[in-house]
Amino acid sequence: MNRKKVKTILAVVLSCCAVFVTVFVIIKLCNIPDASGAGVKVETGEVKTGTDHVKVETGDVNVRRVQSGPPALTVTNLDESITALQGTCSWTIPQEDGSFRLIEGDADHPLFSKEYMTPLEMKPTVFSSVDPLRAVLQWDRMPSTVSVKCWGEEDWENFDATVKGVTVEANRVDKELYGDVDAYEIKLMDGNYIYEVHAYFSESDSGSGDVYYGFYTEKYPN
């Protein structure tokens, strides 16, 4: 076979490969949906899944949360306020059809969750009638019972300390002092401490169950 024939055959082979690649690219491009969602086939309908009502339409998905899980906990000391870290929970939500949805959440103990929490700064006060060590625990919906334990800062990440927390008394707030506020109050330890709050919420339309929360204090200046 002479050199001219070899060149001709190679040219034909390369041309065929180029055509194949071009056709492949065109096919792939035709199957890529644009930013508006064109080319995506989605069936129209409504689906009820647990605590969400999900409405699905062609080219668009809208999710509307109709019911949340356990209530968040806000901890206030004088003019300082933080949202506690929600941890382990066992939460039951009643459904419209009479059934129940169970949420089982497992989380690290507060002693191992410092990086996820915002400290509650304990600053001195000029108001002698206000106890600087008193903290208020408040939820959007009041729990039936509240219990609290605390550990010193030396127990951060100490596995042996998780069962040795000091019990902190939790009581309903004095409305003569706070006004018409429905909350619990606790007496903080004087220093840097880690707190675990266990709240039980009795049965209601928004759910019921046990929820644990965590927060820690830093005496100012730290």
C-alpha atoms as a PDB file:
ATOM      1  CA  MET A   1       0.000   0.000   0.000  1.00  0.00           C
ATOM      2  CA  ASN A   2       1.504   3.287  -1.073  1.00  0.00           C
ATOM      3  CA  ARG A   3       1.806   6.370   1.067  1.00  0.00           C
ATOM      4  CA  LYS A   4      -1.000   8.229  -0.763  1.00  0.00           C
ATOM      5  CA  LYS A   5      -3.571   5.518   0.013  1.00  0.00           C
ATOM      6  CA  VAL A   6      -2.525   5.460   3.697  1.00  0.00           C
ATOM      7  CA  LYS A   7      -3.074   9.212   3.992  1.00  0.00           C
ATOM      8  CA  THR A   8      -6.497   8.896   2.348  1.00  0.00           C
ATOM      9  CA  ILE A   9      -7.604   6.146   4.760  1.00  0.00           C
ATOM     10  CA  LEU A  10      -6.409   8.112   7.790  1.00  0.00           C
ATOM     11  CA  ALA A  11      -8.272  11.196   6.599  1.00  0.00           C
ATOM     12  CA  VAL A  12     -11.504   9.193   6.219  1.00  0.00           C
ATOM     13  CA  VAL A  13     -11.113   7.652   9.714  1.00  0.00           C
ATOM     14  CA  LEU A  14     -10.468  11.044  11.335  1.00  0.00           C
ATOM     15  CA  SER A  15     -13.481  12.537   9.552  1.00  0.00           C
ATOM     16  CA  CYS A  16     -15.732   9.747  10.840  1.00  0.00           C
ATOM     17  CA  CYS A  17     -14.464  10.250  14.394  1.00  0.00           C
ATOM     18  CA  ALA A  18     -15.109  13.985  14.175  1.00  0.00           C
ATOM     19  CA  VAL A  19     -18.680  13.383  12.969  1.00  0.00           C
ATOM     20  CA  PHE A  20     -19.305  10.902  15.794  1.00  0.00           C
ATOM     21  CA  VAL A  21     -18.033  13.300  18.458  1.00  0.00           C
ATOM     22  CA  THR A  22     -20.101  16.159  17.034  1.00  0.00           C
ATOM     23  CA  VAL A  23     -23.299  14.078  17.048  1.00  0.00           C
ATOM     24  CA  PHE A  24     -22.637  12.912  20.638  1.00  0.00           C
ATOM     25  CA  VAL A  25     -22.135  16.480  21.875  1.00  0.00           C
ATOM     26  CA  ILE A  26     -25.325  17.673  20.164  1.00  0.00           C
ATOM     27  CA  ILE A  27     -27.331  14.854  21.761  1.00  0.00           C
ATOM     28  CA  LYS A  28     -25.986  15.686  25.233  1.00  0.00           C
ATOM     29  CA  LEU A  29     -26.662  19.393  24.818  1.00  0.00           C
ATOM     30  CA  CYS A  30     -30.249  18.737  23.769  1.00  0.00           C
ATOM     31  CA  ASN A  31     -30.872  16.885  27.020  1.00  0.00           C
ATOM     32  CA  ILE A  32     -29.566  19.636  29.341  1.00  0.00           C
ATOM     33  CA  PRO A  33     -32.437  21.651  30.921  1.00  0.00           C
ATOM     34  CA  ASP A  34     -32.114  25.422  31.001  1.00  0.00           C
ATOM     35  CA  ALA A  35     -32.286  27.565  34.169  1.00  0.00           C
ATOM     36  CA  SER A  36     -36.090  27.841  33.982  1.00  0.00           C
ATOM     37  CA  GLY A  37     -36.486  24.092  34.373  1.00  0.00           C
ATOM     38  CA  ALA A  38     -37.389  23.375  30.722  1.00  0.00           C
ATOM     39  CA  GLY A  39     -36.663  19.800  29.786  1.00  0.00           C
ATOM     40  CA  VAL A  40     -37.391  18.512  33.297  1.00  0.00           C
ATOM     41  CA  LYS A  41     -40.475  16.341  33.506  1.00  0.00           C
ATOM     42  CA  VAL A  42     -42.270  16.687  36.831  1.00  0.00           C
ATOM     43  CA  GLU A  43     -45.749  15.366  37.450  1.00  0.00           C
ATOM     44  CA  THR A  44     -48.290  17.795  38.883  1.00  0.00           C
ATOM     45  CA  GLY A  45     -49.865  16.888  42.205  1.00  0.00           C
ATOM     46  CA  GLU A  46     -49.831  17.288  45.969  1.00  0.00           C
ATOM     47  CA  VAL A  47     -47.984  15.053  48.364  1.00  0.00           C
ATOM     48  CA  LYS A  48     -48.353  15.068  52.139  1.00  0.00           C
ATOM     49  CA  THR A  49     -45.216  13.782  53.865  1.00  0.00           C
ATOM     50  CA  GLY A  50     -44.985  14.033  57.616  1.00  0.00           C
ATOM     51  CA  THR A  51     -44.878  17.657  58.721  1.00  0.00           C
ATOM     52  CA  ASP A  52     -44.624  19.123  55.210  1.00  0.00           C
ATOM     53  CA  HIS A  53     -47.207  19.833  52.528  1.00  0.00           C
ATOM     54  CA  VAL A  54     -45.317  19.642  49.253  1.00  0.00           C
ATOM     55  CA  LYS A  55     -46.888  21.105  46.117  1.00  0.00           C
ATOM     56  CA  VAL A  56     -45.192  20.028  42.895  1.00  0.00           C
ATOM     57  CA  GLU A  57     -45.743  21.631  39.507  1.00  0.00           C
ATOM     58  CA  THR A  58     -43.971  21.244  36.174  1.00  0.00           C
ATOM     59  CA  GLY A  59     -40.731  23.176  36.224  1.00  0.00           C
ATOM     60  CA  ASP A  60     -41.187  24.371  39.806  1.00  0.00           C
ATOM     61  CA  VAL A  61     -41.129  22.942  43.314  1.00  0.00           C
ATOM     62  CA  ASN A  62     -42.578  24.817  46.296  1.00  0.00           C
ATOM     63  CA  VAL A  63     -42.279  23.553  49.870  1.00  0.00           C
ATOM     64  CA  ARG A  64     -44.310  25.092  52.699  1.00  0.00           C
ATOM     65  CA  ARG A  65     -43.564  23.962  56.230  1.00  0.00           C
ATOM     66  CA  VAL A  66     -46.789  23.811  58.176  1.00  0.00           C
ATOM     67  CA  GLN A  67     -45.552  22.421  61.464  1.00  0.00           C
ATOM     68  CA  SER A  68     -42.198  22.513  63.192  1.00  0.00           C
ATOM     69  CA  GLY A  69     -40.534  20.229  65.703  1.00  0.00           C
ATOM     70  CA  PRO A  70     -39.742  20.982  69.346  1.00  0.00           C
ATOM     71  CA  PRO A  71     -39.845  24.649  70.496  1.00  0.00           C
ATOM     72  CA  ALA A  72     -36.594  26.599  70.710  1.00  0.00           C
ATOM     73  CA  LEU A  73     -35.258  27.667  74.113  1.00  0.00           C
ATOM     74  CA  THR A  74     -34.133  31.240  74.820  1.00  0.00           C
ATOM     75  CA  VAL A  75     -31.949  31.867  77.879  1.00  0.00           C
ATOM     76  CA  THR A  76     -31.780  35.412  79.280  1.00  0.00           C
ATOM     77  CA  ASN A  77     -29.549  36.858  81.985  1.00  0.00           C
ATOM     78  CA  LEU A  78     -30.222  40.575  82.589  1.00  0.00           C
ATOM     79  CA  ASP A  79     -29.846  42.105  79.109  1.00  0.00           C
ATOM     80  CA  GLU A  80     -27.920  39.149  77.662  1.00  0.00           C
ATOM     81  CA  SER A  81     -29.898  36.586  75.672  1.00  0.00           C
ATOM     82  CA  ILE A  82     -28.944  33.504  73.636  1.00  0.00           C
ATOM     83  CA  THR A  83     -30.709  30.613  71.914  1.00  0.00           C
ATOM     84  CA  ALA A  84     -29.780  27.303  73.522  1.00  0.00           C
ATOM     85  CA  LEU A  85     -28.543  24.413  71.392  1.00  0.00           C
ATOM     86  CA  GLN A  86     -31.261  21.820  70.850  1.00  0.00           C
ATOM     87  CA  GLY A  87     -29.958  18.312  71.409  1.00  0.00           C
ATOM     88  CA  THR A  88     -31.461  14.870  71.842  1.00  0.00           C
ATOM     89  CA  CYS A  89     -35.248  14.728  71.561  1.00  0.00           C
ATOM     90  CA  SER A  90     -38.170  12.342  71.288  1.00  0.00           C
ATOM     91  CA  TRP A  91     -41.050  14.255  69.740  1.00  0.00           C
ATOM     92  CA  THR A  92     -44.513  13.088  68.646  1.00  0.00           C
ATOM     93  CA  ILE A  93     -46.612  15.156  66.223  1.00  0.00           C
ATOM     94  CA  PRO A  94     -50.320  14.353  65.693  1.00  0.00           C
ATOM     95  CA  GLN A  95     -51.471  14.191  62.062  1.00  0.00           C
ATOM     96  CA  GLU A  96     -54.804  15.234  60.547  1.00  0.00           C
ATOM     97  CA  ASP A  97     -55.732  11.613  59.807  1.00  0.00           C
ATOM     98  CA  GLY A  98     -55.351  10.600  63.453  1.00  0.00           C
ATOM     99  CA  SER A  99     -51.908   9.057  63.070  1.00  0.00           C
ATOM    100  CA  PHE A 100     -48.709  10.327  64.650  1.00  0.00           C
ATOM    101  CA  ARG A 101     -45.276  11.255  63.344  1.00  0.00           C
ATOM    102  CA  LEU A 102     -42.360  10.456  65.641  1.00  0.00           C
ATOM    103  CA  ILE A 103     -39.120  12.451  65.560  1.00  0.00           C
ATOM    104  CA  GLU A 104     -36.184  10.784  67.304  1.00  0.00           C
ATOM    105  CA  GLY A 105     -33.160  13.066  67.405  1.00  0.00           C
ATOM    106  CA  ASP A 106     -29.794  12.036  68.830  1.00  0.00           C
ATOM    107  CA  ALA A 107     -27.059  14.584  69.528  1.00  0.00           C
ATOM    108  CA  ASP A 108     -23.834  15.010  71.453  1.00  0.00           C
ATOM    109  CA  HIS A 109     -23.998  15.969  75.118  1.00  0.00           C
ATOM    110  CA  PRO A 110     -23.478  19.725  75.760  1.00  0.00           C
ATOM    111  CA  LEU A 111     -20.024  18.935  77.179  1.00  0.00           C
ATOM    112  CA  PHE A 112     -18.986  17.948  73.654  1.00  0.00           C
ATOM    113  CA  SER A 113     -20.834  20.661  71.729  1.00  0.00           C
ATOM    114  CA  LYS A 114     -19.032  23.891  72.648  1.00  0.00           C
ATOM    115  CA  GLU A 115     -18.288  24.807  69.040  1.00  0.00           C
ATOM    116  CA  TYR A 116     -22.023  24.836  68.253  1.00  0.00           C
ATOM    117  CA  MET A 117     -23.092  27.045  71.172  1.00  0.00           C
ATOM    118  CA  THR A 118     -23.007  30.796  71.831  1.00  0.00           C
ATOM    119  CA  PRO A 119     -21.888  31.650  75.391  1.00  0.00           C
ATOM    120  CA  LEU A 120     -24.183  33.537  77.734  1.00  0.00           C
ATOM    121  CA  GLU A 121     -22.005  36.352  79.110  1.00  0.00           C
ATOM    122  CA  MET A 122     -22.519  37.095  82.778  1.00  0.00           C
ATOM    123  CA  LYS A 123     -21.882  40.808  83.185  1.00  0.00           C
ATOM    124  CA  PRO A 124     -21.992  42.798  86.432  1.00  0.00           C
ATOM    125  CA  THR A 125     -25.022  44.999  87.042  1.00  0.00           C
ATOM    126  CA  VAL A 126     -25.558  48.348  88.768  1.00  0.00           C
ATOM    127  CA  PHE A 127     -29.101  47.355  89.712  1.00  0.00           C
ATOM    128  CA  SER A 128     -28.800  45.912  93.206  1.00  0.00           C
ATOM    129  CA  SER A 129     -32.422  44.693  93.129  1.00  0.00           C
ATOM    130  CA  VAL A 130     -31.680  42.352  90.180  1.00  0.00           C
ATOM    131  CA  ASP A 131     -29.848  39.119  90.876  1.00  0.00           C
ATOM    132  CA  PRO A 132     -27.076  38.830  88.242  1.00  0.00           C
ATOM    133  CA  LEU A 133     -27.046  35.054  88.693  1.00  0.00           C
ATOM    134  CA  ARG A 134     -30.708  34.594  87.824  1.00  0.00           C
ATOM    135  CA  ALA A 135     -31.472  33.325  84.296  1.00  0.00           C
ATOM    136  CA  VAL A 136     -34.846  33.016  82.592  1.00  0.00           C
ATOM    137  CA  LEU A 137     -35.707  30.024  80.387  1.00  0.00           C
ATOM    138  CA  GLN A 138     -38.409  30.810  77.865  1.00  0.00           C
ATOM    139  CA  TRP A 139     -40.107  28.865  75.060  1.00  0.00           C
ATOM    140  CA  ASP A 140     -42.842  29.811  72.595  1.00  0.00           C
ATOM    141  CA  ARG A 141     -44.841  27.094  74.319  1.00  0.00           C
ATOM    142  CA  MET A 142     -44.303  26.298  77.972  1.00  0.00           C
ATOM    143  CA  PRO A 143     -43.133  22.799  78.928  1.00  0.00           C
ATOM    144  CA  SER A 144     -44.861  20.907  81.741  1.00  0.00           C
ATOM    145  CA  THR A 145     -41.665  20.171  83.636  1.00  0.00           C
ATOM    146  CA  VAL A 146     -38.080  21.419  83.504  1.00  0.00           C
ATOM    147  CA  SER A 147     -34.933  20.019  85.104  1.00  0.00           C
ATOM    148  CA  VAL A 148     -31.404  21.393  84.818  1.00  0.00           C
ATOM    149  CA  LYS A 149     -27.890  20.091  85.470  1.00  0.00           C
ATOM    150  CA  CYS A 150     -24.565  21.887  85.187  1.00  0.00           C
ATOM    151  CA  TRP A 151     -20.837  21.136  85.033  1.00  0.00           C
ATOM    152  CA  GLY A 152     -17.762  23.296  85.562  1.00  0.00           C
ATOM    153  CA  GLU A 153     -15.627  24.366  82.600  1.00  0.00           C
ATOM    154  CA  GLU A 154     -12.960  21.865  83.660  1.00  0.00           C
ATOM    155  CA  ASP A 155     -15.358  19.151  82.491  1.00  0.00           C
ATOM    156  CA  TRP A 156     -15.390  20.139  78.812  1.00  0.00           C
ATOM    157  CA  GLU A 157     -15.065  16.901  76.789  1.00  0.00           C
ATOM    158  CA  ASN A 158     -14.831  14.810  79.940  1.00  0.00           C
ATOM    159  CA  PHE A 159     -16.800  11.582  79.372  1.00  0.00           C
ATOM    160  CA  ASP A 160     -16.730  10.702  83.062  1.00  0.00           C
ATOM    161  CA  ALA A 161     -18.433  13.988  83.961  1.00  0.00           C
ATOM    162  CA  THR A 162     -21.656  13.472  81.981  1.00  0.00           C
ATOM    163  CA  VAL A 163     -23.376  11.671  84.859  1.00  0.00           C
ATOM    164  CA  LYS A 164     -22.015  13.859  87.653  1.00  0.00           C
ATOM    165  CA  GLY A 165     -23.729  17.148  86.890  1.00  0.00           C
ATOM    166  CA  VAL A 166     -24.957  19.353  89.719  1.00  0.00           C
ATOM    167  CA  THR A 167     -28.754  19.686  89.848  1.00  0.00           C
ATOM    168  CA  VAL A 168     -29.998  23.251  89.424  1.00  0.00           C
ATOM    169  CA  GLU A 169     -33.459  24.143  90.713  1.00  0.00           C
ATOM    170  CA  ALA A 170     -35.885  25.387  88.049  1.00  0.00           C
ATOM    171  CA  ASN A 171     -39.079  27.237  89.037  1.00  0.00           C
ATOM    172  CA  ARG A 172     -41.789  29.280  87.368  1.00  0.00           C
ATOM    173  CA  VAL A 173     -40.810  32.946  87.263  1.00  0.00           C
ATOM    174  CA  ASP A 174     -42.106  35.423  89.814  1.00  0.00           C
ATOM    175  CA  LYS A 175     -44.591  37.518  87.834  1.00  0.00           C
ATOM    176  CA  GLU A 176     -44.399  40.317  90.372  1.00  0.00           C
ATOM    177  CA  LEU A 177     -40.767  40.697  89.369  1.00  0.00           C
ATOM    178  CA  TYR A 178     -40.973  39.951  85.630  1.00  0.00           C
ATOM    179  CA  GLY A 179     -44.533  40.980  84.806  1.00  0.00           C
ATOM    180  CA  ASP A 180     -46.875  38.833  82.729  1.00  0.00           C
ATOM    181  CA  VAL A 181     -44.185  36.423  81.515  1.00  0.00           C
ATOM    182  CA  ASP A 182     -44.684  32.675  81.405  1.00  0.00           C
ATOM    183  CA  ALA A 183     -41.242  31.121  81.855  1.00  0.00           C
ATOM    184  CA  TYR A 184     -38.927  29.231  84.174  1.00  0.00           C
ATOM    185  CA  GLU A 185     -35.989  30.677  86.043  1.00  0.00           C
ATOM    186  CA  ILE A 186     -32.829  29.109  87.418  1.00  0.00           C
ATOM    187  CA  LYS A 187     -30.014  30.292  89.667  1.00  0.00           C
ATOM    188  CA  LEU A 188     -26.784  30.274  87.668  1.00  0.00           C
ATOM    189  CA  MET A 189     -23.515  29.169  89.195  1.00  0.00           C
ATOM    190  CA  ASP A 190     -21.042  32.003  89.733  1.00  0.00           C
ATOM    191  CA  GLY A 191     -18.483  31.326  87.017  1.00  0.00           C
ATOM    192  CA  ASN A 192     -18.006  29.501  83.732  1.00  0.00           C
ATOM    193  CA  TYR A 193     -20.367  26.518  83.605  1.00  0.00           C
ATOM    194  CA  ILE A 194     -22.076  24.223  81.099  1.00  0.00           C
ATOM    195  CA  TYR A 195     -25.825  23.628  81.467  1.00  0.00           C
ATOM    196  CA  GLU A 196     -28.133  20.897  80.212  1.00  0.00           C
ATOM    197  CA  VAL A 197     -31.876  21.620  80.264  1.00  0.00           C
ATOM    198  CA  HIS A 198     -34.374  18.757  80.045  1.00  0.00           C
ATOM    199  CA  ALA A 199     -37.914  19.874  79.188  1.00  0.00           C
ATOM    200  CA  TYR A 200     -41.023  17.734  78.891  1.00  0.00           C
ATOM    201  CA  PHE A 201     -43.930  19.050  76.803  1.00  0.00           C
ATOM    202  CA  SER A 202     -47.332  17.483  77.403  1.00  0.00           C
ATOM    203  CA  GLU A 203     -49.599  16.459  74.546  1.00  0.00           C
ATOM    204  CA  SER A 204     -50.971  19.199  72.285  1.00  0.00           C
ATOM    205  CA  ASP A 205     -51.766  19.884  68.624  1.00  0.00           C
ATOM    206  CA  SER A 206     -48.181  21.039  68.006  1.00  0.00           C
ATOM    207  CA  GLY A 207     -46.613  17.924  69.490  1.00  0.00           C
ATOM    208  CA  SER A 208     -45.320  16.454  72.737  1.00  0.00           C
ATOM    209  CA  GLY A 209     -42.240  14.801  74.139  1.00  0.00           C
ATOM    210  CA  ASP A 210     -38.844  15.162  75.794  1.00  0.00           C
ATOM    211  CA  VAL A 211     -36.241  17.632  74.558  1.00  0.00           C
ATOM    212  CA  TYR A 212     -32.722  18.383  75.789  1.00  0.00           C
ATOM    213  CA  TYR A 213     -30.977  21.737  75.348  1.00  0.00           C
ATOM    214  CA  GLY A 214     -27.486  22.986  76.091  1.00  0.00           C
ATOM    215  CA  PHE A 215     -25.774  26.308  76.773  1.00  0.00           C
ATOM    216  CA  TYR A 216     -22.801  27.615  78.721  1.00  0.00           C
ATOM    217  CA  THR A 217     -21.876  30.771  80.620  1.00  0.00           C
ATOM    218  CA  GLU A 218     -18.781  32.947  80.608  1.00  0.00           C
ATOM    219  CA  LYS A 219     -18.180  35.356  83.444  1.00  0.00           C
ATOM    220  CA  TYR A 220     -17.312  38.828  82.175  1.00  0.00           C
ATOM    221  CA  PRO A 221     -14.536  39.672  81.594  1.00  0.00           C
ATOM    222  CA  ASN A 222     -13.394  36.154  80.670  1.00  0.00           C
END
